[in-house]
PDB file of N, CA and C in Angstrom:
ATOM      1  N   ARG A   1     -16.815   4.635 -10.244  1.00  0.00           N
ATOM      2  CA  ARG A   1     -15.968   4.510  -8.959  1.00  0.00           C
ATOM      3  C   ARG A   1     -14.129   4.437  -9.336  1.00  0.00           C
ATOM      4  N   ARG A   2     -13.546   4.851  -8.774  1.00  0.00           N
ATOM      5  CA  ARG A   2     -12.397   4.450  -9.365  1.00  0.00           C
ATOM      6  C   ARG A   2     -11.479   2.771  -8.109  1.00  0.00           C
ATOM      7  N   PRO A   3     -11.026   2.235  -8.754  1.00  0.00           N
ATOM      8  CA  PRO A   3     -10.748   1.725  -7.092  1.00  0.00           C
ATOM      9  C   PRO A   3      -9.411   2.002  -6.546  1.00  0.00           C
ATOM     10  N   ARG A   4     -10.067   1.468  -4.859  1.00  0.00           N
ATOM     11  CA  ARG A   4      -9.066   1.780  -4.169  1.00  0.00           C
ATOM     12  C   ARG A   4      -7.481   0.803  -3.329  1.00  0.00           C
ATOM     13  N   VAL A   5      -6.905   1.529  -3.829  1.00  0.00           N
ATOM     14  CA  VAL A   5      -5.953   0.401  -3.581  1.00  0.00           C
ATOM     15  C   VAL A   5      -5.061   0.778  -2.831  1.00  0.00           C
ATOM     16  N   ALA A   6      -4.399   0.181  -1.374  1.00  0.00           N
ATOM     17  CA  ALA A   6      -3.729  -0.169  -0.360  1.00  0.00           C
ATOM     18  C   ALA A   6      -2.382  -0.376  -0.840  1.00  0.00           C
ATOM     19  N   PHE A   7      -1.066   0.144  -1.337  1.00  0.00           N
ATOM     20  CA  PHE A   7      -0.062  -0.032  -1.659  1.00  0.00           C
ATOM     21  C   PHE A   7       0.909  -0.201  -0.639  1.00  0.00           C
ATOM     22  N   ILE A   8       0.733  -1.748   0.589  1.00  0.00           N
ATOM     23  CA  ILE A   8       2.110  -1.259   1.512  1.00  0.00           C
ATOM     24  C   ILE A   8       3.243  -1.875   1.037  1.00  0.00           C
ATOM     25  N   GLU A   9       4.320  -1.699   1.297  1.00  0.00           N
ATOM     26  CA  GLU A   9       5.638  -1.343   0.918  1.00  0.00           C
ATOM     27  C   GLU A   9       6.456  -2.388   2.130  1.00  0.00           C
ATOM     28  N   TRP A  10       5.946  -2.332   2.795  1.00  0.00           N
ATOM     29  CA  TRP A  10       6.528  -2.991   4.660  1.00  0.00           C
ATOM     30  C   TRP A  10       5.196  -3.605   5.203  1.00  0.00           C
ATOM     31  N   SER A  11       5.565  -4.754   5.753  1.00  0.00           N
ATOM     32  CA  SER A  11       4.428  -5.420   5.980  1.00  0.00           C
ATOM     33  C   SER A  11       4.572  -6.072   8.130  1.00  0.00           C
ATOM     34  N   ASP A  12       5.634  -5.575   8.271  1.00  0.00           N
ATOM     35  CA  ASP A  12       5.904  -5.213  10.008  1.00  0.00           C
ATOM     36  C   ASP A  12       6.963  -4.384  10.493  1.00  0.00           C
ATOM     37  N   PRO A  13       6.589  -3.324  10.520  1.00  0.00           N
ATOM     38  CA  PRO A  13       5.032  -2.855  10.621  1.00  0.00           C
ATOM     39  C   PRO A  13       4.601  -2.915   9.326  1.00  0.00           C
ATOM     40  N   LEU A  14       3.195  -2.273   9.071  1.00  0.00           N
ATOM     41  CA  LEU A  14       2.901  -1.915   8.114  1.00  0.00           C
ATOM     42  C   LEU A  14       3.325  -0.692   7.876  1.00  0.00           C
ATOM     43  N   TYR A  15       4.066  -0.034   5.992  1.00  0.00           N
ATOM     44  CA  TYR A  15       3.936   0.724   5.831  1.00  0.00           C
ATOM     45  C   TYR A  15       3.658   1.041   4.719  1.00  0.00           C
ATOM     46  N   VAL A  16       2.982   1.837   4.547  1.00  0.00           N
ATOM     47  CA  VAL A  16       2.231   2.994   3.087  1.00  0.00           C
ATOM     48  C   VAL A  16       3.132   3.210   2.393  1.00  0.00           C
ATOM     49  N   GLY A  17       2.964   2.935   1.131  1.00  0.00           N
ATOM     50  CA  GLY A  17       3.718   3.325  -0.008  1.00  0.00           C
ATOM     51  C   GLY A  17       3.858   5.075   0.161  1.00  0.00           C
ATOM     52  N   GLY A  18       4.609   5.505  -0.216  1.00  0.00           N
ATOM     53  CA  GLY A  18       4.413   7.259  -1.080  1.00  0.00           C
ATOM     54  C   GLY A  18       5.447   7.791  -1.339  1.00  0.00           C
ATOM     55  N   HIS A  19       6.039   8.461  -1.624  1.00  0.00           N
ATOM     56  CA  HIS A  19       6.831   9.144  -2.937  1.00  0.00           C
ATOM     57  C   HIS A  19       5.666   9.353  -4.332  1.00  0.00           C
ATOM     58  N   TRP A  20       6.139   8.978  -5.573  1.00  0.00           N
ATOM     59  CA  TRP A  20       5.689   8.494  -6.572  1.00  0.00           C
ATOM     60  C   TRP A  20       4.580   7.442  -6.710  1.00  0.00           C
ATOM     61  N   THR A  21       4.527   6.569  -5.463  1.00  0.00           N
ATOM     62  CA  THR A  21       3.655   5.640  -5.623  1.00  0.00           C
ATOM     63  C   THR A  21       2.056   5.800  -5.875  1.00  0.00           C
ATOM     64  N   PRO A  22       1.898   6.795  -5.220  1.00  0.00           N
ATOM     65  CA  PRO A  22       0.139   7.390  -5.315  1.00  0.00           C
ATOM     66  C   PRO A  22      -0.194   8.164  -6.416  1.00  0.00           C
ATOM     67  N   GLN A  23       0.776   8.152  -6.692  1.00  0.00           N
ATOM     68  CA  GLN A  23       0.457   9.366  -8.009  1.00  0.00           C
ATOM     69  C   GLN A  23       0.418   8.158  -9.173  1.00  0.00           C
ATOM     70  N   LEU A  24       1.520   6.967  -9.833  1.00  0.00           N
ATOM     71  CA  LEU A  24       0.623   5.904 -10.220  1.00  0.00           C
ATOM     72  C   LEU A  24      -0.059   5.385 -10.008  1.00  0.00           C
ATOM     73  N   ILE A  25      -1.078   5.161  -8.774  1.00  0.00           N
ATOM     74  CA  ILE A  25      -2.093   4.399  -9.003  1.00  0.00           C
ATOM     75  C   ILE A  25      -2.941   5.469  -9.733  1.00  0.00           C
ATOM     76  N   GLU A  26      -3.022   6.520  -9.184  1.00  0.00           N
ATOM     77  CA  GLU A  26      -3.845   7.989  -9.443  1.00  0.00           C
ATOM     78  C   GLU A  26      -3.817   7.367 -11.176  1.00  0.00           C
ATOM     79  N   ARG A  27      -2.531   7.527 -11.728  1.00  0.00           N
ATOM     80  CA  ARG A  27      -2.672   7.534 -13.520  1.00  0.00           C
ATOM     81  C   ARG A  27      -2.912   6.261 -14.018  1.00  0.00           C
ATOM     82  N   ALA A  28      -3.212   5.256 -13.028  1.00  0.00           N
ATOM     83  CA  ALA A  28      -3.912   4.255 -13.770  1.00  0.00           C
ATOM     84  C   ALA A  28      -5.204   3.802 -13.244  1.00  0.00           C
ATOM     85  N   GLY A  29      -5.528   4.752 -12.445  1.00  0.00           N
ATOM     86  CA  GLY A  29      -7.069   5.040 -12.409  1.00  0.00           C
ATOM     87  C   GLY A  29      -7.882   4.505 -11.126  1.00  0.00           C
ATOM     88  N   GLY A  30      -7.019   4.583 -10.285  1.00  0.00           N
ATOM     89  CA  GLY A  30      -7.226   4.098  -9.375  1.00  0.00           C
ATOM     90  C   GLY A  30      -7.624   4.953  -8.110  1.00  0.00           C
ATOM     91  N   GLU A  31      -7.040   5.036  -6.757  1.00  0.00           N
ATOM     92  CA  GLU A  31      -7.183   6.443  -5.726  1.00  0.00           C
ATOM     93  C   GLU A  31      -5.886   5.548  -4.680  1.00  0.00           C
ATOM     94  N   HIS A  32      -5.377   5.842  -3.786  1.00  0.00           N
ATOM     95  CA  HIS A  32      -4.747   5.370  -2.757  1.00  0.00           C
ATOM     96  C   HIS A  32      -5.099   5.979  -1.235  1.00  0.00           C
ATOM     97  N   PRO A  33      -6.289   6.090  -1.091  1.00  0.00           N
ATOM     98  CA  PRO A  33      -6.547   6.818  -0.077  1.00  0.00           C
ATOM     99  C   PRO A  33      -5.691   6.297   1.461  1.00  0.00           C
ATOM    100  N   LEU A  34      -4.744   6.254   1.325  1.00  0.00           N
ATOM    101  CA  LEU A  34      -3.988   6.244   2.905  1.00  0.00           C
ATOM    102  C   LEU A  34      -3.406   7.072   2.412  1.00  0.00           C
ATOM    103  N   ASN A  35      -2.658   7.169   1.420  1.00  0.00           N
ATOM    104  CA  ASN A  35      -1.567   8.299   1.202  1.00  0.00           C
ATOM    105  C   ASN A  35      -1.820   9.010  -0.445  1.00  0.00           C
ATOM    106  N   ALA A  36      -2.712   9.877  -0.368  1.00  0.00           N
ATOM    107  CA  ALA A  36      -3.020  10.803  -1.543  1.00  0.00           C
ATOM    108  C   ALA A  36      -1.921  11.207  -2.201  1.00  0.00           C
ATOM    109  N   GLY A  37      -2.067  11.168  -3.556  1.00  0.00           N
ATOM    110  CA  GLY A  37      -1.065  11.754  -4.240  1.00  0.00           C
ATOM    111  C   GLY A  37      -1.027  12.910  -4.418  1.00  0.00           C
ATOM    112  N   GLY A  38      -2.221  13.164  -5.451  1.00  0.00           N
ATOM    113  CA  GLY A  38      -1.868  14.319  -6.067  1.00  0.00           C
ATOM    114  C   GLY A  38      -0.540  14.674  -6.756  1.00  0.00           C
ATOM    115  N   GLU A  39      -0.758  16.117  -7.680  1.00  0.00           N
ATOM    116  CA  GLU A  39       0.539  16.538  -8.683  1.00  0.00           C
ATOM    117  C   GLU A  39       1.775  16.028  -8.027  1.00  0.00           C
ATOM    118  N   SER A  40       2.377  16.145  -6.613  1.00  0.00           N
ATOM    119  CA  SER A  40       3.696  16.199  -6.671  1.00  0.00           C
ATOM    120  C   SER A  40       4.167  15.028  -5.701  1.00  0.00           C
ATOM    121  N   GLY A  41       2.967  13.543  -5.941  1.00  0.00           N
ATOM    122  CA  GLY A  41       3.590  12.351  -5.301  1.00  0.00           C
ATOM    123  C   GLY A  41       2.779  12.629  -3.981  1.00  0.00           C
ATOM    124  N   GLY A  42       2.690  11.803  -3.360  1.00  0.00           N
ATOM    125  CA  GLY A  42       2.066  11.412  -2.074  1.00  0.00           C
ATOM    126  C   GLY A  42       2.779  11.552  -0.855  1.00  0.00           C
ATOM    127  N   GLY A  43       4.024  12.004  -0.835  1.00  0.00           N
ATOM    128  CA  GLY A  43       4.626  12.434   0.528  1.00  0.00           C
ATOM    129  C   GLY A  43       5.393  10.976   0.666  1.00  0.00           C
ATOM    130  N   LYS A  44       6.220  11.206   1.736  1.00  0.00           N
ATOM    131  CA  LYS A  44       6.896   9.610   1.955  1.00  0.00           C
ATOM    132  C   LYS A  44       6.029   8.998   2.737  1.00  0.00           C
ATOM    133  N   SER A  45       6.976   7.469   3.065  1.00  0.00           N
ATOM    134  CA  SER A  45       5.832   6.096   3.274  1.00  0.00           C
ATOM    135  C   SER A  45       5.652   6.294   4.565  1.00  0.00           C
ATOM    136  N   PHE A  46       5.016   5.585   5.117  1.00  0.00           N
ATOM    137  CA  PHE A  46       4.881   5.932   6.435  1.00  0.00           C
ATOM    138  C   PHE A  46       4.416   4.875   7.735  1.00  0.00           C
ATOM    139  N   PRO A  47       4.499   4.522   8.406  1.00  0.00           N
ATOM    140  CA  PRO A  47       3.711   3.336   9.326  1.00  0.00           C
ATOM    141  C   PRO A  47       2.352   3.435   9.486  1.00  0.00           C
ATOM    142  N   VAL A  48       1.408   2.593   9.928  1.00  0.00           N
ATOM    143  CA  VAL A  48      -0.299   2.600   9.730  1.00  0.00           C
ATOM    144  C   VAL A  48      -0.120   1.336  10.798  1.00  0.00           C
ATOM    145  N   PRO A  49      -1.175   1.645  11.842  1.00  0.00           N
ATOM    146  CA  PRO A  49      -1.657   0.467  12.118  1.00  0.00           C
ATOM    147  C   PRO A  49      -3.146  -0.056  11.154  1.00  0.00           C
ATOM    148  N   PRO A  50      -2.394  -1.747  11.630  1.00  0.00           N
ATOM    149  CA  PRO A  50      -3.706  -2.618  10.347  1.00  0.00           C
ATOM    150  C   PRO A  50      -5.059  -1.885  10.222  1.00  0.00           C
ATOM    151  N   SER A  51      -6.147  -1.460  11.323  1.00  0.00           N
ATOM    152  CA  SER A  51      -6.838  -0.778  11.485  1.00  0.00           C
ATOM    153  C   SER A  51      -7.213   0.187  10.519  1.00  0.00           C
ATOM    154  N   ALA A  52      -6.229   0.775  10.162  1.00  0.00           N
ATOM    155  CA  ALA A  52      -6.053   1.892   9.319  1.00  0.00           C
ATOM    156  C   ALA A  52      -6.361   1.351   7.768  1.00  0.00           C
ATOM    157  N   VAL A  53      -5.929   0.504   7.415  1.00  0.00           N
ATOM    158  CA  VAL A  53      -5.635  -0.367   5.881  1.00  0.00           C
ATOM    159  C   VAL A  53      -6.818  -1.148   6.061  1.00  0.00           C
ATOM    160  N   VAL A  54      -7.827  -1.460   7.168  1.00  0.00           N
ATOM    161  CA  VAL A  54      -9.262  -2.130   7.285  1.00  0.00           C
ATOM    162  C   VAL A  54     -10.295  -0.669   6.923  1.00  0.00           C
ATOM    163  N   GLU A  55     -10.418   0.535   7.572  1.00  0.00           N
ATOM    164  CA  GLU A  55     -11.300   1.429   8.121  1.00  0.00           C
ATOM    165  C   GLU A  55     -10.663   1.965   6.225  1.00  0.00           C
ATOM    166  N   ALA A  56     -10.185   2.223   5.171  1.00  0.00           N
ATOM    167  CA  ALA A  56      -9.658   2.351   3.934  1.00  0.00           C
ATOM    168  C   ALA A  56     -10.360   1.058   3.407  1.00  0.00           C
ATOM    169  N   ASP A  57     -10.320   0.480   3.510  1.00  0.00           N
ATOM    170  CA  ASP A  57     -11.626  -0.747   2.704  1.00  0.00           C
ATOM    171  C   ASP A  57     -11.652  -1.092   1.249  1.00  0.00           C
ATOM    172  N   PRO A  58      -9.978  -1.225   0.903  1.00  0.00           N
ATOM    173  CA  PRO A  58      -9.558  -1.105  -0.577  1.00  0.00           C
ATOM    174  C   PRO A  58      -9.560  -1.894  -0.942  1.00  0.00           C
ATOM    175  N   ASP A  59      -9.860  -1.864  -2.410  1.00  0.00           N
ATOM    176  CA  ASP A  59     -10.516  -3.189  -3.370  1.00  0.00           C
ATOM    177  C   ASP A  59      -9.742  -4.179  -3.920  1.00  0.00           C
ATOM    178  N   LEU A  60      -8.333  -3.342  -3.791  1.00  0.00           N
ATOM    179  CA  LEU A  60      -7.186  -4.409  -3.715  1.00  0.00           C
ATOM    180  C   LEU A  60      -6.258  -3.684  -2.995  1.00  0.00           C
ATOM    181  N   VAL A  61      -5.175  -4.935  -2.343  1.00  0.00           N
ATOM    182  CA  VAL A  61      -4.143  -4.949  -1.455  1.00  0.00           C
ATOM    183  C   VAL A  61      -2.727  -4.837  -2.353  1.00  0.00           C
ATOM    184  N   ILE A  62      -1.970  -4.310  -2.878  1.00  0.00           N
ATOM    185  CA  ILE A  62      -0.721  -4.481  -3.244  1.00  0.00           C
ATOM    186  C   ILE A  62       0.694  -4.381  -2.092  1.00  0.00           C
ATOM    187  N   LEU A  63       1.017  -5.870  -1.866  1.00  0.00           N
ATOM    188  CA  LEU A  63       2.265  -6.149  -0.603  1.00  0.00           C
ATOM    189  C   LEU A  63       3.525  -5.483  -1.353  1.00  0.00           C
ATOM    190  N   ALA A  64       4.551  -5.071  -1.984  1.00  0.00           N
ATOM    191  CA  ALA A  64       5.943  -4.951  -2.284  1.00  0.00           C
ATOM    192  C   ALA A  64       6.790  -4.412  -1.801  1.00  0.00           C
ATOM    193  N   PRO A  65       7.110  -5.317  -0.799  1.00  0.00           N
ATOM    194  CA  PRO A  65       8.271  -4.888   0.323  1.00  0.00           C
ATOM    195  C   PRO A  65       9.660  -4.131  -0.399  1.00  0.00           C
ATOM    196  N   CYS A  66      10.334  -4.073  -0.387  1.00  0.00           N
ATOM    197  CA  CYS A  66      11.157  -3.679  -0.432  1.00  0.00           C
ATOM    198  C   CYS A  66      13.030  -4.479  -0.329  1.00  0.00           C
ATOM    199  N   GLY A  67      13.328  -4.936  -1.459  1.00  0.00           N
ATOM    200  CA  GLY A  67      14.382  -5.665  -0.911  1.00  0.00           C
ATOM    201  C   GLY A  67      14.156  -7.073  -0.561  1.00  0.00           C
ATOM    202  N   LEU A  68      12.706  -7.701  -1.254  1.00  0.00           N
ATOM    203  CA  LEU A  68      12.606  -8.674  -0.826  1.00  0.00           C
ATOM    204  C   LEU A  68      12.504 -10.137  -1.964  1.00  0.00           C
ATOM    205  N   THR A  69      12.547 -11.259  -2.181  1.00  0.00           N
ATOM    206  CA  THR A  69      12.586 -12.104  -3.029  1.00  0.00           C
ATOM    207  C   THR A  69      11.072 -11.745  -3.280  1.00  0.00           C
ATOM    208  N   LEU A  70      10.487 -12.861  -4.257  1.00  0.00           N
ATOM    209  CA  LEU A  70       9.509 -13.423  -4.765  1.00  0.00           C
ATOM    210  C   LEU A  70       8.626 -14.378  -3.606  1.00  0.00           C
ATOM    211  N   ASP A  71       9.785 -15.074  -2.865  1.00  0.00           N
ATOM    212  CA  ASP A  71       9.527 -16.394  -1.424  1.00  0.00           C
ATOM    213  C   ASP A  71       9.292 -15.551  -1.151  1.00  0.00           C
ATOM    214  N   MET A  72      10.402 -14.292  -0.400  1.00  0.00           N
ATOM    215  CA  MET A  72      10.368 -13.743   1.062  1.00  0.00           C
ATOM    216  C   MET A  72       8.710 -13.362   1.155  1.00  0.00           C
ATOM    217  N   THR A  73       8.273 -12.818  -0.524  1.00  0.00           N
ATOM    218  CA  THR A  73       6.777 -12.009  -0.232  1.00  0.00           C
ATOM    219  C   THR A  73       5.654 -12.570  -0.262  1.00  0.00           C
ATOM    220  N   ARG A  74       5.967 -13.630  -0.644  1.00  0.00           N
ATOM    221  CA  ARG A  74       4.794 -14.409  -0.058  1.00  0.00           C
ATOM    222  C   ARG A  74       4.772 -15.086   0.657  1.00  0.00           C
ATOM    223  N   ARG A  75       5.191 -15.373   1.895  1.00  0.00           N
ATOM    224  CA  ARG A  75       5.721 -15.665   3.206  1.00  0.00           C
ATOM    225  C   ARG A  75       5.122 -14.238   4.017  1.00  0.00           C
ATOM    226  N   GLU A  76       5.487 -13.117   3.264  1.00  0.00           N
ATOM    227  CA  GLU A  76       5.077 -11.872   4.017  1.00  0.00           C
ATOM    228  C   GLU A  76       3.791 -11.566   4.102  1.00  0.00           C
ATOM    229  N   ALA A  77       3.775 -11.839   2.731  1.00  0.00           N
ATOM    230  CA  ALA A  77       1.983 -12.237   2.429  1.00  0.00           C
ATOM    231  C   ALA A  77       1.096 -12.976   3.357  1.00  0.00           C
ATOM    232  N   THR A  78       1.495 -14.130   3.232  1.00  0.00           N
ATOM    233  CA  THR A  78       0.993 -15.152   3.943  1.00  0.00           C
ATOM    234  C   THR A  78       0.782 -14.843   5.708  1.00  0.00           C
ATOM    235  N   ALA A  79       1.344 -14.857   6.533  1.00  0.00           N
ATOM    236  CA  ALA A  79       1.529 -14.093   7.208  1.00  0.00           C
ATOM    237  C   ALA A  79       0.253 -13.280   7.991  1.00  0.00           C
ATOM    238  N   LEU A  80       0.522 -11.682   6.757  1.00  0.00           N
ATOM    239  CA  LEU A  80      -0.459 -10.486   6.999  1.00  0.00           C
ATOM    240  C   LEU A  80      -1.643 -10.769   6.839  1.00  0.00           C
ATOM    241  N   ALA A  81      -1.899 -12.526   6.511  1.00  0.00           N
ATOM    242  CA  ALA A  81      -3.191 -12.417   5.808  1.00  0.00           C
ATOM    243  C   ALA A  81      -3.875 -12.999   7.140  1.00  0.00           C
ATOM    244  N   ARG A  82      -2.931 -13.964   7.728  1.00  0.00           N
ATOM    245  CA  ARG A  82      -3.358 -14.228   9.119  1.00  0.00           C
ATOM    246  C   ARG A  82      -4.008 -12.994  10.202  1.00  0.00           C
ATOM    247  N   THR A  83      -3.403 -12.305   9.787  1.00  0.00           N
ATOM    248  CA  THR A  83      -3.665 -10.908  11.142  1.00  0.00           C
ATOM    249  C   THR A  83      -5.033 -10.462  10.488  1.00  0.00           C
TER     250      THR A  83
END
């Protein structure tokens, strides 16, 4: 079974990574069930409720908010883990 990856590019509201991100995950051997890629990529990023991430049952969650420093991202990850 390929690992299921939830790629989150913004934490409030939760935005699922799109564009080339799902395709990169698939080429690395995983799957991005919240935004399936395919050969043409995964479409645009879009907001999802936290329940959608839980229901996707990811093996790995990648939080990569655009424009934030590593310290800011750590704070966002801590806050997200509390929800």
